[in-house]
């Protein structure tokens, strides 16, 4: 995707690339700046999907789309969900072409529900109100969260 001048200029300056008026149209400069900028967005947002969304919409545009649970569109009407999916699909097509398996997310989450453990020789159930035990509620919430995350392809470990 072609970087806009207001994005290209500071990135190019940081990378020591040409920042003259028409430098943005130089393919090598634009690819170098765009590659760094995409890497920066993925690193900043912590996940490829959100980094790609921020690359397309900008940080504020992505935050607005996520906050409003909207489709979030760029200046030519591309929704960030379709943009991200297209890139992920293209990556897997390329991997298949060169004989590699589809990319799998490397996200792992460790969930520790808390309470319901032996501590100093006695069983700690946490708070108890009537027939409600904090340890039972924490475990139920953790198991539901585990189910949701695993349905999204995340590896979940439970304590």
C-alpha atoms as a PDB file:
ATOM      1  CA  UNK A   1       0.000   0.000   0.000  1.00  0.00           C
ATOM      2  CA  UNK A   2       1.372   3.408  -0.953  1.00  0.00           C
ATOM      3  CA  UNK A   3       2.367   5.464   2.079  1.00  0.00           C
ATOM      4  CA  UNK A   4       0.957   8.959   2.283  1.00  0.00           C
ATOM      5  CA  UNK A   5       3.442  11.812   2.407  1.00  0.00           C
ATOM      6  CA  UNK A   6       2.646  12.765   6.027  1.00  0.00           C
ATOM      7  CA  UNK A   7       3.521   9.187   7.060  1.00  0.00           C
ATOM      8  CA  UNK A   8       6.438   8.744   4.654  1.00  0.00           C
ATOM      9  CA  UNK A   9       8.361  11.886   5.649  1.00  0.00           C
ATOM     10  CA  UNK A  10       9.007  11.114   9.350  1.00  0.00           C
ATOM     11  CA  UNK A  11       9.640   7.414   8.680  1.00  0.00           C
ATOM     12  CA  UNK A  12      12.035   8.207   5.820  1.00  0.00           C
ATOM     13  CA  UNK A  13      13.855  10.747   7.972  1.00  0.00           C
ATOM     14  CA  UNK A  14      14.176   8.183  10.792  1.00  0.00           C
ATOM     15  CA  UNK A  15      15.515   5.562   8.360  1.00  0.00           C
ATOM     16  CA  UNK A  16      17.868   8.007   6.645  1.00  0.00           C
ATOM     17  CA  UNK A  17      16.032   7.788   3.311  1.00  0.00           C
ATOM     18  CA  UNK A  18      15.577  10.566   0.782  1.00  0.00           C
ATOM     19  CA  UNK A  19      12.940  13.040   1.988  1.00  0.00           C
ATOM     20  CA  UNK A  20      12.890  15.325  -1.043  1.00  0.00           C
ATOM     21  CA  UNK A  21       9.571  16.199  -2.681  1.00  0.00           C
ATOM     22  CA  UNK A  22       9.328  13.270  -5.106  1.00  0.00           C
ATOM     23  CA  UNK A  23      11.209  10.679  -3.010  1.00  0.00           C
ATOM     24  CA  UNK A  24       7.925   9.100  -1.938  1.00  0.00           C
ATOM     25  CA  UNK A  25       7.403   7.948  -5.538  1.00  0.00           C
ATOM     26  CA  UNK A  26      10.713   6.060  -5.586  1.00  0.00           C
ATOM     27  CA  UNK A  27       9.755   2.385  -5.265  1.00  0.00           C
ATOM     28  CA  UNK A  28      12.759   1.396  -3.154  1.00  0.00           C
ATOM     29  CA  UNK A  29      12.261   4.277  -0.717  1.00  0.00           C
ATOM     30  CA  UNK A  30       8.536   3.642  -0.409  1.00  0.00           C
ATOM     31  CA  UNK A  31       8.918  -0.104   0.127  1.00  0.00           C
ATOM     32  CA  UNK A  32      11.632   0.445   2.746  1.00  0.00           C
ATOM     33  CA  UNK A  33       9.554   3.042   4.596  1.00  0.00           C
ATOM     34  CA  UNK A  34       6.329   1.048   4.254  1.00  0.00           C
ATOM     35  CA  UNK A  35       7.938  -2.161   5.494  1.00  0.00           C
ATOM     36  CA  UNK A  36       9.373  -0.411   8.528  1.00  0.00           C
ATOM     37  CA  UNK A  37       6.077   1.384   9.213  1.00  0.00           C
ATOM     38  CA  UNK A  38       4.104  -1.884   9.042  1.00  0.00           C
ATOM     39  CA  UNK A  39       6.629  -3.572  11.358  1.00  0.00           C
ATOM     40  CA  UNK A  40       6.307  -0.622  13.746  1.00  0.00           C
ATOM     41  CA  UNK A  41       2.485  -0.829  13.759  1.00  0.00           C
ATOM     42  CA  UNK A  42       2.483  -4.582  14.400  1.00  0.00           C
ATOM     43  CA  UNK A  43       5.002  -4.166  17.207  1.00  0.00           C
ATOM     44  CA  UNK A  44       3.076  -1.231  18.694  1.00  0.00           C
ATOM     45  CA  UNK A  45      -0.303  -2.985  18.624  1.00  0.00           C
ATOM     46  CA  UNK A  46       1.120  -6.367  19.610  1.00  0.00           C
ATOM     47  CA  UNK A  47      -0.736  -8.441  17.012  1.00  0.00           C
ATOM     48  CA  UNK A  48      -0.540  -8.693  13.247  1.00  0.00           C
ATOM     49  CA  UNK A  49      -4.274  -8.177  12.768  1.00  0.00           C
ATOM     50  CA  UNK A  50      -4.478  -4.955  14.782  1.00  0.00           C
ATOM     51  CA  UNK A  51      -1.151  -3.734  13.381  1.00  0.00           C
ATOM     52  CA  UNK A  52      -2.520  -4.178   9.853  1.00  0.00           C
ATOM     53  CA  UNK A  53      -5.719  -2.374  10.844  1.00  0.00           C
ATOM     54  CA  UNK A  54      -3.690   0.544  12.214  1.00  0.00           C
ATOM     55  CA  UNK A  55      -1.551   0.554   9.057  1.00  0.00           C
ATOM     56  CA  UNK A  56      -4.698   0.942   6.942  1.00  0.00           C
ATOM     57  CA  UNK A  57      -6.798   3.275   9.108  1.00  0.00           C
ATOM     58  CA  UNK A  58      -4.220   4.934  11.339  1.00  0.00           C
ATOM     59  CA  UNK A  59      -4.228   4.476  15.101  1.00  0.00           C
ATOM     60  CA  UNK A  60      -7.181   6.783  15.717  1.00  0.00           C
ATOM     61  CA  UNK A  61      -9.255   5.276  12.913  1.00  0.00           C
ATOM     62  CA  UNK A  62      -8.668   1.757  14.210  1.00  0.00           C
ATOM     63  CA  UNK A  63      -9.480   2.767  17.782  1.00  0.00           C
ATOM     64  CA  UNK A  64     -12.722   4.379  16.612  1.00  0.00           C
ATOM     65  CA  UNK A  65     -13.669   1.278  14.619  1.00  0.00           C
ATOM     66  CA  UNK A  66     -12.921  -1.025  17.553  1.00  0.00           C
ATOM     67  CA  UNK A  67     -14.661   1.224  20.086  1.00  0.00           C
ATOM     68  CA  UNK A  68     -17.781   1.652  17.942  1.00  0.00           C
ATOM     69  CA  UNK A  69     -17.676  -1.979  16.759  1.00  0.00           C
ATOM     70  CA  UNK A  70     -17.936  -0.613  13.223  1.00  0.00           C
ATOM     71  CA  UNK A  71     -16.382  -1.814   9.991  1.00  0.00           C
ATOM     72  CA  UNK A  72     -13.869   1.014   9.815  1.00  0.00           C
ATOM     73  CA  UNK A  73     -13.190   2.147   6.249  1.00  0.00           C
ATOM     74  CA  UNK A  74     -10.221   3.832   4.644  1.00  0.00           C
ATOM     75  CA  UNK A  75     -10.475   6.754   2.203  1.00  0.00           C
ATOM     76  CA  UNK A  76     -11.509   4.478  -0.707  1.00  0.00           C
ATOM     77  CA  UNK A  77     -14.021   2.428   1.290  1.00  0.00           C
ATOM     78  CA  UNK A  78     -11.979  -0.666   2.151  1.00  0.00           C
ATOM     79  CA  UNK A  79     -13.023  -2.138   5.487  1.00  0.00           C
ATOM     80  CA  UNK A  80     -10.150  -3.086   7.730  1.00  0.00           C
ATOM     81  CA  UNK A  81     -11.569  -6.582   8.331  1.00  0.00           C
ATOM     82  CA  UNK A  82     -11.547  -7.334   4.578  1.00  0.00           C
ATOM     83  CA  UNK A  83      -8.087  -5.785   4.238  1.00  0.00           C
ATOM     84  CA  UNK A  84      -6.668  -7.917   7.047  1.00  0.00           C
ATOM     85  CA  UNK A  85      -8.335 -11.083   5.750  1.00  0.00           C
ATOM     86  CA  UNK A  86      -7.021 -10.465   2.222  1.00  0.00           C
ATOM     87  CA  UNK A  87      -3.470 -10.082   3.512  1.00  0.00           C
ATOM     88  CA  UNK A  88      -3.691 -13.184   5.699  1.00  0.00           C
ATOM     89  CA  UNK A  89      -5.180 -15.211   2.831  1.00  0.00           C
ATOM     90  CA  UNK A  90      -2.478 -13.985   0.437  1.00  0.00           C
ATOM     91  CA  UNK A  91       0.233 -14.898   2.934  1.00  0.00           C
ATOM     92  CA  UNK A  92      -1.168 -18.437   3.225  1.00  0.00           C
ATOM     93  CA  UNK A  93      -1.452 -18.753  -0.583  1.00  0.00           C
ATOM     94  CA  UNK A  94       2.202 -17.742  -0.877  1.00  0.00           C
ATOM     95  CA  UNK A  95       3.223 -20.155   1.885  1.00  0.00           C
ATOM     96  CA  UNK A  96       1.332 -22.948   0.110  1.00  0.00           C
ATOM     97  CA  UNK A  97       3.004 -22.046  -3.197  1.00  0.00           C
ATOM     98  CA  UNK A  98       6.473 -22.432  -1.703  1.00  0.00           C
ATOM     99  CA  UNK A  99       5.515 -25.605   0.184  1.00  0.00           C
ATOM    100  CA  UNK A 100       4.985 -24.263   3.698  1.00  0.00           C
ATOM    101  CA  UNK A 101       1.934 -24.983   5.876  1.00  0.00           C
ATOM    102  CA  UNK A 102      -0.564 -22.176   6.573  1.00  0.00           C
ATOM    103  CA  UNK A 103       0.569 -19.654   9.153  1.00  0.00           C
ATOM    104  CA  UNK A 104      -0.699 -20.292  12.656  1.00  0.00           C
ATOM    105  CA  UNK A 105      -0.955 -17.620  15.296  1.00  0.00           C
ATOM    106  CA  UNK A 106       1.611 -18.034  18.031  1.00  0.00           C
ATOM    107  CA  UNK A 107      -0.515 -16.381  20.684  1.00  0.00           C
ATOM    108  CA  UNK A 108      -0.656 -18.204  23.993  1.00  0.00           C
ATOM    109  CA  UNK A 109      -2.481 -17.067  27.103  1.00  0.00           C
ATOM    110  CA  UNK A 110      -2.080 -18.330  30.645  1.00  0.00           C
ATOM    111  CA  UNK A 111      -5.217 -18.122  32.815  1.00  0.00           C
ATOM    112  CA  UNK A 112      -5.043 -18.461  36.579  1.00  0.00           C
ATOM    113  CA  UNK A 113      -8.592 -18.327  37.999  1.00  0.00           C
ATOM    114  CA  UNK A 114      -7.330 -17.695  41.526  1.00  0.00           C
ATOM    115  CA  UNK A 115      -8.525 -19.206  44.785  1.00  0.00           C
ATOM    116  CA  UNK A 116      -9.539 -22.811  45.059  1.00  0.00           C
ATOM    117  CA  UNK A 117      -6.013 -23.764  46.124  1.00  0.00           C
ATOM    118  CA  UNK A 118      -4.280 -25.130  49.178  1.00  0.00           C
ATOM    119  CA  UNK A 119      -2.480 -22.356  50.996  1.00  0.00           C
ATOM    120  CA  UNK A 120      -0.682 -22.788  54.326  1.00  0.00           C
ATOM    121  CA  UNK A 121      -2.269 -26.184  54.838  1.00  0.00           C
ATOM    122  CA  UNK A 122      -5.925 -25.255  54.279  1.00  0.00           C
ATOM    123  CA  UNK A 123      -8.174 -25.033  51.222  1.00  0.00           C
ATOM    124  CA  UNK A 124      -8.773 -21.421  50.173  1.00  0.00           C
ATOM    125  CA  UNK A 125     -12.166 -21.098  48.470  1.00  0.00           C
ATOM    126  CA  UNK A 126     -12.048 -17.321  48.416  1.00  0.00           C
ATOM    127  CA  UNK A 127     -15.127 -15.347  49.376  1.00  0.00           C
ATOM    128  CA  UNK A 128     -18.377 -17.153  50.159  1.00  0.00           C
ATOM    129  CA  UNK A 129     -21.758 -15.436  50.057  1.00  0.00           C
ATOM    130  CA  UNK A 130     -24.718 -17.713  50.668  1.00  0.00           C
ATOM    131  CA  UNK A 131     -24.256 -20.625  48.279  1.00  0.00           C
ATOM    132  CA  UNK A 132     -21.897 -18.698  45.988  1.00  0.00           C
ATOM    133  CA  UNK A 133     -18.207 -19.560  46.142  1.00  0.00           C
ATOM    134  CA  UNK A 134     -15.698 -17.182  44.588  1.00  0.00           C
ATOM    135  CA  UNK A 135     -13.514 -20.102  43.482  1.00  0.00           C
ATOM    136  CA  UNK A 136     -16.420 -21.707  41.581  1.00  0.00           C
ATOM    137  CA  UNK A 137     -17.371 -18.418  39.887  1.00  0.00           C
ATOM    138  CA  UNK A 138     -13.731 -17.667  38.953  1.00  0.00           C
ATOM    139  CA  UNK A 139     -13.307 -21.127  37.469  1.00  0.00           C
ATOM    140  CA  UNK A 140     -16.558 -20.873  35.463  1.00  0.00           C
ATOM    141  CA  UNK A 141     -15.521 -17.498  34.030  1.00  0.00           C
ATOM    142  CA  UNK A 142     -12.031 -18.802  33.221  1.00  0.00           C
ATOM    143  CA  UNK A 143     -13.387 -21.885  31.442  1.00  0.00           C
ATOM    144  CA  UNK A 144     -15.758 -19.735  29.350  1.00  0.00           C
ATOM    145  CA  UNK A 145     -12.889 -17.364  28.483  1.00  0.00           C
ATOM    146  CA  UNK A 146     -10.745 -20.368  27.523  1.00  0.00           C
ATOM    147  CA  UNK A 147     -13.514 -21.633  25.218  1.00  0.00           C
ATOM    148  CA  UNK A 148     -13.875 -18.236  23.507  1.00  0.00           C
ATOM    149  CA  UNK A 149     -10.117 -17.759  23.057  1.00  0.00           C
ATOM    150  CA  UNK A 150      -9.576 -21.272  21.706  1.00  0.00           C
ATOM    151  CA  UNK A 151     -12.373 -20.715  19.177  1.00  0.00           C
ATOM    152  CA  UNK A 152     -10.254 -17.786  17.902  1.00  0.00           C
ATOM    153  CA  UNK A 153      -7.174 -20.001  17.532  1.00  0.00           C
ATOM    154  CA  UNK A 154      -5.397 -18.938  20.716  1.00  0.00           C
ATOM    155  CA  UNK A 155      -3.496 -21.555  22.730  1.00  0.00           C
ATOM    156  CA  UNK A 156      -4.723 -21.374  26.341  1.00  0.00           C
ATOM    157  CA  UNK A 157      -3.033 -22.779  29.428  1.00  0.00           C
ATOM    158  CA  UNK A 158      -4.906 -23.051  32.721  1.00  0.00           C
ATOM    159  CA  UNK A 159      -3.345 -23.036  36.204  1.00  0.00           C
END
